[in-house]
């Protein structure tokens, strides 16, 4: 850790490889998701230790509904269980503010109610800002923002001349979050998979072949050391 000179303020992670981890071990894919939750808890602890201010995790995408119903149902049950128990305790113990972005109100059962409750209960916490992207798709987010902008323009709440990047950003799910500095993807893939497309315009990207259930502190430190070697130019020389 002594060689880490600059910890990213906001880290976003695409947590990939849960299913592959399980299949490699001859287990049903749902077991991979359960093990992936343990990596979430570890990573939160690592970020707290390192002083990361914002952590955003791609938890369930709008495309994930295409997976087998049995797997999706298991994921929804796991999410509800973890939000109701582990995450509630963790946020209270560690002073973590939790947000959920995406069309989470369309989730099944009691999940929307439980999400709303934990977000409300942690509003005043500020040690780490934890955001879970659930039922999230970046294109859907941008379309939704444009529809709201058009509606406000039609009702004369905003003027066309006022429309700029900053104004459009204020209509996104992440309106109260800074853009990610660093995007990590596990499992060796090089896609951004419809994740925070607007927000990662200038983020540094990093991939690791490590499957998400195997992601450890050493992997995060290795990633941040790579980030430290980058020069963020924002289009300048």
Foldseek 3Di string as FASTA:
>chain_A
DVLQDDDWQAEEEEQFFLQVVQVVVVHHSLVSVVLLVVLVVQVVVLCLVVQHAEYEYAQAELVNVPPDPVSVVSSLVVLVVCLVPVVLVVCVVPLEQEEEFAVQVPDDDCRVVSRVVSNVVSVPGGSHYYYYYHRDFQVVQLVQLVVVVVVCVVVVVDPPVPDDPLVSCCSGSCNPPQQGQEYEYEQPDDDPHRPCVVRCPQHHYYYYNHNSSRDHSVNVVVRSSVVVPDDRAVPHD
